[in-house]
């Protein structure tokens, strides 16, 4: 009996990537409001799907995958809560500069997680590095005001679209390469370890 487990990473990467692209289309200024579509994606695909992927990574013994997918899934759920809960009077709305600290801390977490990718495929390294940059750009947007804030937010939006698309690419590469049994979409081989002395 074959006990091989499926790879949950593409599910988590797609949930992260698609939701990130959609939110950052808004951040880039193409749409003025964060509408129900983005919030629903944040709950179900960006949030719940990533948490499920993280739990499945636990089953595979992958601490990095568990930490990343569960954390970013819960990021999306907290972000949606921070948007919706004040509208219903359940919590007070966080001041914009304080939201900057929220985004900064997620950027710090991502920066630390980036070091965990250094022996993994280059495509994954790009996802984490670009996400770290995205979080800190969004924090800078919330710490500034006026035209500067708008300009930084727009730059963050375009950078976030690239970040999300890179996650989608990696997800599809893992699915297609596994399905075909060959490298159709390259992801950049991880650096080889030096030979033992």
C-alpha atoms as a PDB file:
ATOM      1  CA  UNK A   1       0.000   0.000   0.000  1.00  0.00           C
ATOM      2  CA  UNK A   2       1.370   3.412  -1.027  1.00  0.00           C
ATOM      3  CA  UNK A   3       1.409   5.791   1.959  1.00  0.00           C
ATOM      4  CA  UNK A   4       2.801   8.774   0.042  1.00  0.00           C
ATOM      5  CA  UNK A   5       1.219  12.009   1.238  1.00  0.00           C
ATOM      6  CA  UNK A   6       0.179  14.754  -1.163  1.00  0.00           C
ATOM      7  CA  UNK A   7       2.042  18.061  -1.104  1.00  0.00           C
ATOM      8  CA  UNK A   8      -0.148  20.686   0.643  1.00  0.00           C
ATOM      9  CA  UNK A   9       2.132  23.601  -0.259  1.00  0.00           C
ATOM     10  CA  UNK A  10       0.436  24.490  -3.581  1.00  0.00           C
ATOM     11  CA  UNK A  11      -2.900  24.898  -1.774  1.00  0.00           C
ATOM     12  CA  UNK A  12      -1.367  27.276   0.747  1.00  0.00           C
ATOM     13  CA  UNK A  13       0.601  29.156  -1.900  1.00  0.00           C
ATOM     14  CA  UNK A  14      -2.477  29.617  -4.086  1.00  0.00           C
ATOM     15  CA  UNK A  15      -4.564  30.812  -1.145  1.00  0.00           C
ATOM     16  CA  UNK A  16      -1.858  33.295  -0.250  1.00  0.00           C
ATOM     17  CA  UNK A  17      -1.033  34.323  -3.815  1.00  0.00           C
ATOM     18  CA  UNK A  18      -4.518  34.910  -5.186  1.00  0.00           C
ATOM     19  CA  UNK A  19      -5.709  36.818  -2.121  1.00  0.00           C
ATOM     20  CA  UNK A  20      -2.533  38.922  -2.079  1.00  0.00           C
ATOM     21  CA  UNK A  21      -2.936  39.872  -5.740  1.00  0.00           C
ATOM     22  CA  UNK A  22      -6.572  40.875  -5.230  1.00  0.00           C
ATOM     23  CA  UNK A  23      -5.858  43.007  -2.147  1.00  0.00           C
ATOM     24  CA  UNK A  24      -2.943  44.723  -3.845  1.00  0.00           C
ATOM     25  CA  UNK A  25      -4.967  45.557  -6.937  1.00  0.00           C
ATOM     26  CA  UNK A  26      -6.861  47.715  -4.442  1.00  0.00           C
ATOM     27  CA  UNK A  27      -3.627  49.020  -2.837  1.00  0.00           C
ATOM     28  CA  UNK A  28      -2.266  49.965  -6.265  1.00  0.00           C
ATOM     29  CA  UNK A  29      -5.301  52.190  -6.758  1.00  0.00           C
ATOM     30  CA  UNK A  30      -7.313  50.267  -9.344  1.00  0.00           C
ATOM     31  CA  UNK A  31     -10.293  50.043  -6.956  1.00  0.00           C
ATOM     32  CA  UNK A  32     -10.955  52.475  -4.124  1.00  0.00           C
ATOM     33  CA  UNK A  33     -12.710  50.169  -1.660  1.00  0.00           C
ATOM     34  CA  UNK A  34     -11.861  46.836  -0.053  1.00  0.00           C
ATOM     35  CA  UNK A  35     -15.058  45.072  -1.075  1.00  0.00           C
ATOM     36  CA  UNK A  36     -16.747  41.842  -0.018  1.00  0.00           C
ATOM     37  CA  UNK A  37     -14.893  39.773  -2.612  1.00  0.00           C
ATOM     38  CA  UNK A  38     -11.508  40.578  -1.069  1.00  0.00           C
ATOM     39  CA  UNK A  39     -12.834  40.002   2.456  1.00  0.00           C
ATOM     40  CA  UNK A  40     -14.392  36.661   1.499  1.00  0.00           C
ATOM     41  CA  UNK A  41     -11.130  35.570  -0.143  1.00  0.00           C
ATOM     42  CA  UNK A  42      -9.296  36.682   2.995  1.00  0.00           C
ATOM     43  CA  UNK A  43     -11.477  34.496   5.189  1.00  0.00           C
ATOM     44  CA  UNK A  44     -11.780  31.356   3.106  1.00  0.00           C
ATOM     45  CA  UNK A  45      -8.856  31.049   0.686  1.00  0.00           C
ATOM     46  CA  UNK A  46      -6.212  33.308   2.168  1.00  0.00           C
ATOM     47  CA  UNK A  47      -7.215  32.357   5.696  1.00  0.00           C
ATOM     48  CA  UNK A  48      -8.820  28.962   6.193  1.00  0.00           C
ATOM     49  CA  UNK A  49      -7.159  27.239   3.208  1.00  0.00           C
ATOM     50  CA  UNK A  50      -3.708  28.293   4.395  1.00  0.00           C
ATOM     51  CA  UNK A  51      -4.380  27.082   7.931  1.00  0.00           C
ATOM     52  CA  UNK A  52      -5.492  23.718   6.513  1.00  0.00           C
ATOM     53  CA  UNK A  53      -2.307  23.578   4.405  1.00  0.00           C
ATOM     54  CA  UNK A  54      -0.243  24.344   7.491  1.00  0.00           C
ATOM     55  CA  UNK A  55      -1.894  21.551   9.482  1.00  0.00           C
ATOM     56  CA  UNK A  56      -1.186  19.162   6.620  1.00  0.00           C
ATOM     57  CA  UNK A  57       2.458  20.296   6.646  1.00  0.00           C
ATOM     58  CA  UNK A  58       2.509  19.268  10.327  1.00  0.00           C
ATOM     59  CA  UNK A  59       1.457  15.782   9.217  1.00  0.00           C
ATOM     60  CA  UNK A  60       4.444  15.742   6.852  1.00  0.00           C
ATOM     61  CA  UNK A  61       6.853  16.875   9.567  1.00  0.00           C
ATOM     62  CA  UNK A  62       7.541  20.239   7.890  1.00  0.00           C
ATOM     63  CA  UNK A  63       7.996  22.819  10.666  1.00  0.00           C
ATOM     64  CA  UNK A  64       8.683  25.645   8.203  1.00  0.00           C
ATOM     65  CA  UNK A  65       5.523  24.934   6.193  1.00  0.00           C
ATOM     66  CA  UNK A  66       3.427  24.568   9.354  1.00  0.00           C
ATOM     67  CA  UNK A  67       4.652  27.884  10.752  1.00  0.00           C
ATOM     68  CA  UNK A  68       4.371  29.781   7.466  1.00  0.00           C
ATOM     69  CA  UNK A  69       0.959  28.618   6.270  1.00  0.00           C
ATOM     70  CA  UNK A  70      -0.779  28.691   9.662  1.00  0.00           C
ATOM     71  CA  UNK A  71       0.705  32.113  10.455  1.00  0.00           C
ATOM     72  CA  UNK A  72      -0.202  33.734   7.139  1.00  0.00           C
ATOM     73  CA  UNK A  73      -3.631  32.107   7.179  1.00  0.00           C
ATOM     74  CA  UNK A  74      -4.221  33.639  10.583  1.00  0.00           C
ATOM     75  CA  UNK A  75      -2.823  36.945   9.308  1.00  0.00           C
ATOM     76  CA  UNK A  76      -5.616  37.062   6.723  1.00  0.00           C
ATOM     77  CA  UNK A  77      -8.243  36.181   9.333  1.00  0.00           C
ATOM     78  CA  UNK A  78      -7.000  38.882  11.731  1.00  0.00           C
ATOM     79  CA  UNK A  79      -6.844  41.435   8.903  1.00  0.00           C
ATOM     80  CA  UNK A  80     -10.453  40.755   7.938  1.00  0.00           C
ATOM     81  CA  UNK A  81     -11.434  40.927  11.630  1.00  0.00           C
ATOM     82  CA  UNK A  82      -9.670  44.282  11.978  1.00  0.00           C
ATOM     83  CA  UNK A  83     -11.682  45.602   9.018  1.00  0.00           C
ATOM     84  CA  UNK A  84     -15.091  44.111   9.830  1.00  0.00           C
ATOM     85  CA  UNK A  85     -15.325  44.011  13.628  1.00  0.00           C
ATOM     86  CA  UNK A  86     -15.190  47.805  14.139  1.00  0.00           C
ATOM     87  CA  UNK A  87     -18.027  48.202  11.607  1.00  0.00           C
ATOM     88  CA  UNK A  88     -20.264  46.105  13.861  1.00  0.00           C
ATOM     89  CA  UNK A  89     -19.105  47.829  17.037  1.00  0.00           C
ATOM     90  CA  UNK A  90     -17.412  44.717  18.417  1.00  0.00           C
ATOM     91  CA  UNK A  91     -14.017  46.398  18.797  1.00  0.00           C
ATOM     92  CA  UNK A  92     -12.654  49.893  18.345  1.00  0.00           C
ATOM     93  CA  UNK A  93     -10.962  50.780  15.082  1.00  0.00           C
ATOM     94  CA  UNK A  94      -7.160  50.729  15.289  1.00  0.00           C
ATOM     95  CA  UNK A  95      -5.487  54.068  14.513  1.00  0.00           C
ATOM     96  CA  UNK A  96      -3.678  54.001  11.164  1.00  0.00           C
ATOM     97  CA  UNK A  97      -0.172  54.482  12.671  1.00  0.00           C
ATOM     98  CA  UNK A  98      -0.822  51.557  15.040  1.00  0.00           C
ATOM     99  CA  UNK A  99      -1.827  49.440  12.020  1.00  0.00           C
ATOM    100  CA  UNK A 100       1.603  50.337  10.704  1.00  0.00           C
ATOM    101  CA  UNK A 101       3.104  48.515  13.678  1.00  0.00           C
ATOM    102  CA  UNK A 102       0.872  45.521  12.962  1.00  0.00           C
ATOM    103  CA  UNK A 103       2.237  45.402   9.406  1.00  0.00           C
ATOM    104  CA  UNK A 104       5.792  46.050  10.606  1.00  0.00           C
ATOM    105  CA  UNK A 105       5.648  43.062  12.964  1.00  0.00           C
ATOM    106  CA  UNK A 106       4.382  40.830  10.162  1.00  0.00           C
ATOM    107  CA  UNK A 107       7.275  42.114   8.062  1.00  0.00           C
ATOM    108  CA  UNK A 108       9.710  41.286  10.857  1.00  0.00           C
ATOM    109  CA  UNK A 109       8.277  37.770  11.109  1.00  0.00           C
ATOM    110  CA  UNK A 110       8.576  37.366   7.333  1.00  0.00           C
ATOM    111  CA  UNK A 111      12.158  38.671   7.351  1.00  0.00           C
ATOM    112  CA  UNK A 112      13.066  36.012   9.920  1.00  0.00           C
ATOM    113  CA  UNK A 113      11.230  33.326   7.935  1.00  0.00           C
ATOM    114  CA  UNK A 114      13.155  34.390   4.815  1.00  0.00           C
ATOM    115  CA  UNK A 115      16.324  32.972   6.372  1.00  0.00           C
ATOM    116  CA  UNK A 116      14.560  29.628   6.548  1.00  0.00           C
ATOM    117  CA  UNK A 117      14.263  29.667   2.748  1.00  0.00           C
ATOM    118  CA  UNK A 118      17.975  30.031   1.998  1.00  0.00           C
ATOM    119  CA  UNK A 119      18.390  26.303   1.353  1.00  0.00           C
ATOM    120  CA  UNK A 120      15.095  26.054  -0.496  1.00  0.00           C
ATOM    121  CA  UNK A 121      14.219  26.832  -4.153  1.00  0.00           C
ATOM    122  CA  UNK A 122      14.924  30.341  -5.412  1.00  0.00           C
ATOM    123  CA  UNK A 123      11.238  30.873  -6.234  1.00  0.00           C
ATOM    124  CA  UNK A 124      10.319  30.408  -2.562  1.00  0.00           C
ATOM    125  CA  UNK A 125      13.094  32.785  -1.535  1.00  0.00           C
ATOM    126  CA  UNK A 126      11.615  35.402  -3.865  1.00  0.00           C
ATOM    127  CA  UNK A 127       8.120  34.950  -2.405  1.00  0.00           C
ATOM    128  CA  UNK A 128       9.337  35.537   1.142  1.00  0.00           C
ATOM    129  CA  UNK A 129      11.699  38.389   0.333  1.00  0.00           C
ATOM    130  CA  UNK A 130       9.078  40.229  -1.714  1.00  0.00           C
ATOM    131  CA  UNK A 131       6.518  39.661   1.055  1.00  0.00           C
ATOM    132  CA  UNK A 132       8.873  41.103   3.650  1.00  0.00           C
ATOM    133  CA  UNK A 133       9.335  44.192   1.450  1.00  0.00           C
ATOM    134  CA  UNK A 134       5.556  44.422   0.954  1.00  0.00           C
ATOM    135  CA  UNK A 135       4.781  44.417   4.676  1.00  0.00           C
ATOM    136  CA  UNK A 136       7.328  47.143   5.398  1.00  0.00           C
ATOM    137  CA  UNK A 137       6.141  49.272   2.484  1.00  0.00           C
ATOM    138  CA  UNK A 138       2.589  49.005   3.832  1.00  0.00           C
ATOM    139  CA  UNK A 139       3.853  49.923   7.303  1.00  0.00           C
ATOM    140  CA  UNK A 140       5.620  52.967   5.822  1.00  0.00           C
ATOM    141  CA  UNK A 141       2.362  53.916   4.083  1.00  0.00           C
ATOM    142  CA  UNK A 142       0.539  53.883   7.419  1.00  0.00           C
ATOM    143  CA  UNK A 143       3.289  55.880   9.152  1.00  0.00           C
ATOM    144  CA  UNK A 144       3.205  58.684   6.594  1.00  0.00           C
ATOM    145  CA  UNK A 145       0.431  60.968   5.426  1.00  0.00           C
ATOM    146  CA  UNK A 146      -0.858  62.886   2.435  1.00  0.00           C
ATOM    147  CA  UNK A 147       0.613  62.386  -1.005  1.00  0.00           C
ATOM    148  CA  UNK A 148       3.644  60.523   0.342  1.00  0.00           C
ATOM    149  CA  UNK A 149       1.402  57.930   1.978  1.00  0.00           C
ATOM    150  CA  UNK A 150      -0.591  57.511  -1.230  1.00  0.00           C
ATOM    151  CA  UNK A 151       2.568  57.127  -3.316  1.00  0.00           C
ATOM    152  CA  UNK A 152       4.099  54.566  -0.952  1.00  0.00           C
ATOM    153  CA  UNK A 153       0.790  52.682  -0.867  1.00  0.00           C
ATOM    154  CA  UNK A 154       0.652  52.565  -4.648  1.00  0.00           C
ATOM    155  CA  UNK A 155       4.236  51.271  -4.875  1.00  0.00           C
ATOM    156  CA  UNK A 156       3.345  48.670  -2.242  1.00  0.00           C
ATOM    157  CA  UNK A 157       0.326  47.651  -4.307  1.00  0.00           C
ATOM    158  CA  UNK A 158       2.358  46.969  -7.434  1.00  0.00           C
ATOM    159  CA  UNK A 159       5.042  45.186  -5.408  1.00  0.00           C
ATOM    160  CA  UNK A 160       2.319  43.115  -3.722  1.00  0.00           C
ATOM    161  CA  UNK A 161       0.884  42.068  -7.079  1.00  0.00           C
ATOM    162  CA  UNK A 162       4.349  40.791  -8.057  1.00  0.00           C
ATOM    163  CA  UNK A 163       4.669  38.995  -4.701  1.00  0.00           C
ATOM    164  CA  UNK A 164       1.271  37.318  -5.090  1.00  0.00           C
ATOM    165  CA  UNK A 165       1.961  36.305  -8.695  1.00  0.00           C
ATOM    166  CA  UNK A 166       5.270  34.755  -7.635  1.00  0.00           C
ATOM    167  CA  UNK A 167       3.412  32.576  -5.094  1.00  0.00           C
ATOM    168  CA  UNK A 168       0.889  31.553  -7.765  1.00  0.00           C
ATOM    169  CA  UNK A 169       3.761  30.656 -10.115  1.00  0.00           C
ATOM    170  CA  UNK A 170       5.451  28.519  -7.453  1.00  0.00           C
ATOM    171  CA  UNK A 171       2.173  26.756  -6.618  1.00  0.00           C
ATOM    172  CA  UNK A 172       1.473  25.923 -10.260  1.00  0.00           C
ATOM    173  CA  UNK A 173       5.086  24.873 -10.812  1.00  0.00           C
ATOM    174  CA  UNK A 174       4.837  22.368  -7.967  1.00  0.00           C
ATOM    175  CA  UNK A 175       1.504  21.006  -9.256  1.00  0.00           C
ATOM    176  CA  UNK A 176       2.461  20.815 -12.938  1.00  0.00           C
ATOM    177  CA  UNK A 177       5.980  19.495 -12.367  1.00  0.00           C
ATOM    178  CA  UNK A 178       4.648  16.738 -10.099  1.00  0.00           C
ATOM    179  CA  UNK A 179       1.793  15.893 -12.466  1.00  0.00           C
ATOM    180  CA  UNK A 180       4.095  15.609 -15.493  1.00  0.00           C
ATOM    181  CA  UNK A 181       7.038  14.025 -13.708  1.00  0.00           C
ATOM    182  CA  UNK A 182       9.427  16.620 -15.169  1.00  0.00           C
ATOM    183  CA  UNK A 183      10.393  20.249 -14.760  1.00  0.00           C
ATOM    184  CA  UNK A 184       7.975  22.237 -16.888  1.00  0.00           C
ATOM    185  CA  UNK A 185       8.113  25.398 -14.760  1.00  0.00           C
ATOM    186  CA  UNK A 186      11.551  25.878 -13.139  1.00  0.00           C
ATOM    187  CA  UNK A 187      11.659  27.030  -9.528  1.00  0.00           C
ATOM    188  CA  UNK A 188      15.421  27.390  -9.141  1.00  0.00           C
ATOM    189  CA  UNK A 189      17.281  24.575  -7.521  1.00  0.00           C
ATOM    190  CA  UNK A 190      18.198  25.202  -3.884  1.00  0.00           C
ATOM    191  CA  UNK A 191      21.892  25.855  -3.317  1.00  0.00           C
ATOM    192  CA  UNK A 192      23.803  22.671  -2.797  1.00  0.00           C
ATOM    193  CA  UNK A 193      25.398  22.009   0.562  1.00  0.00           C
ATOM    194  CA  UNK A 194      29.203  21.980   0.649  1.00  0.00           C
ATOM    195  CA  UNK A 195      30.691  18.477   0.706  1.00  0.00           C
ATOM    196  CA  UNK A 196      31.603  17.197   4.166  1.00  0.00           C
ATOM    197  CA  UNK A 197      35.280  17.417   5.100  1.00  0.00           C
END
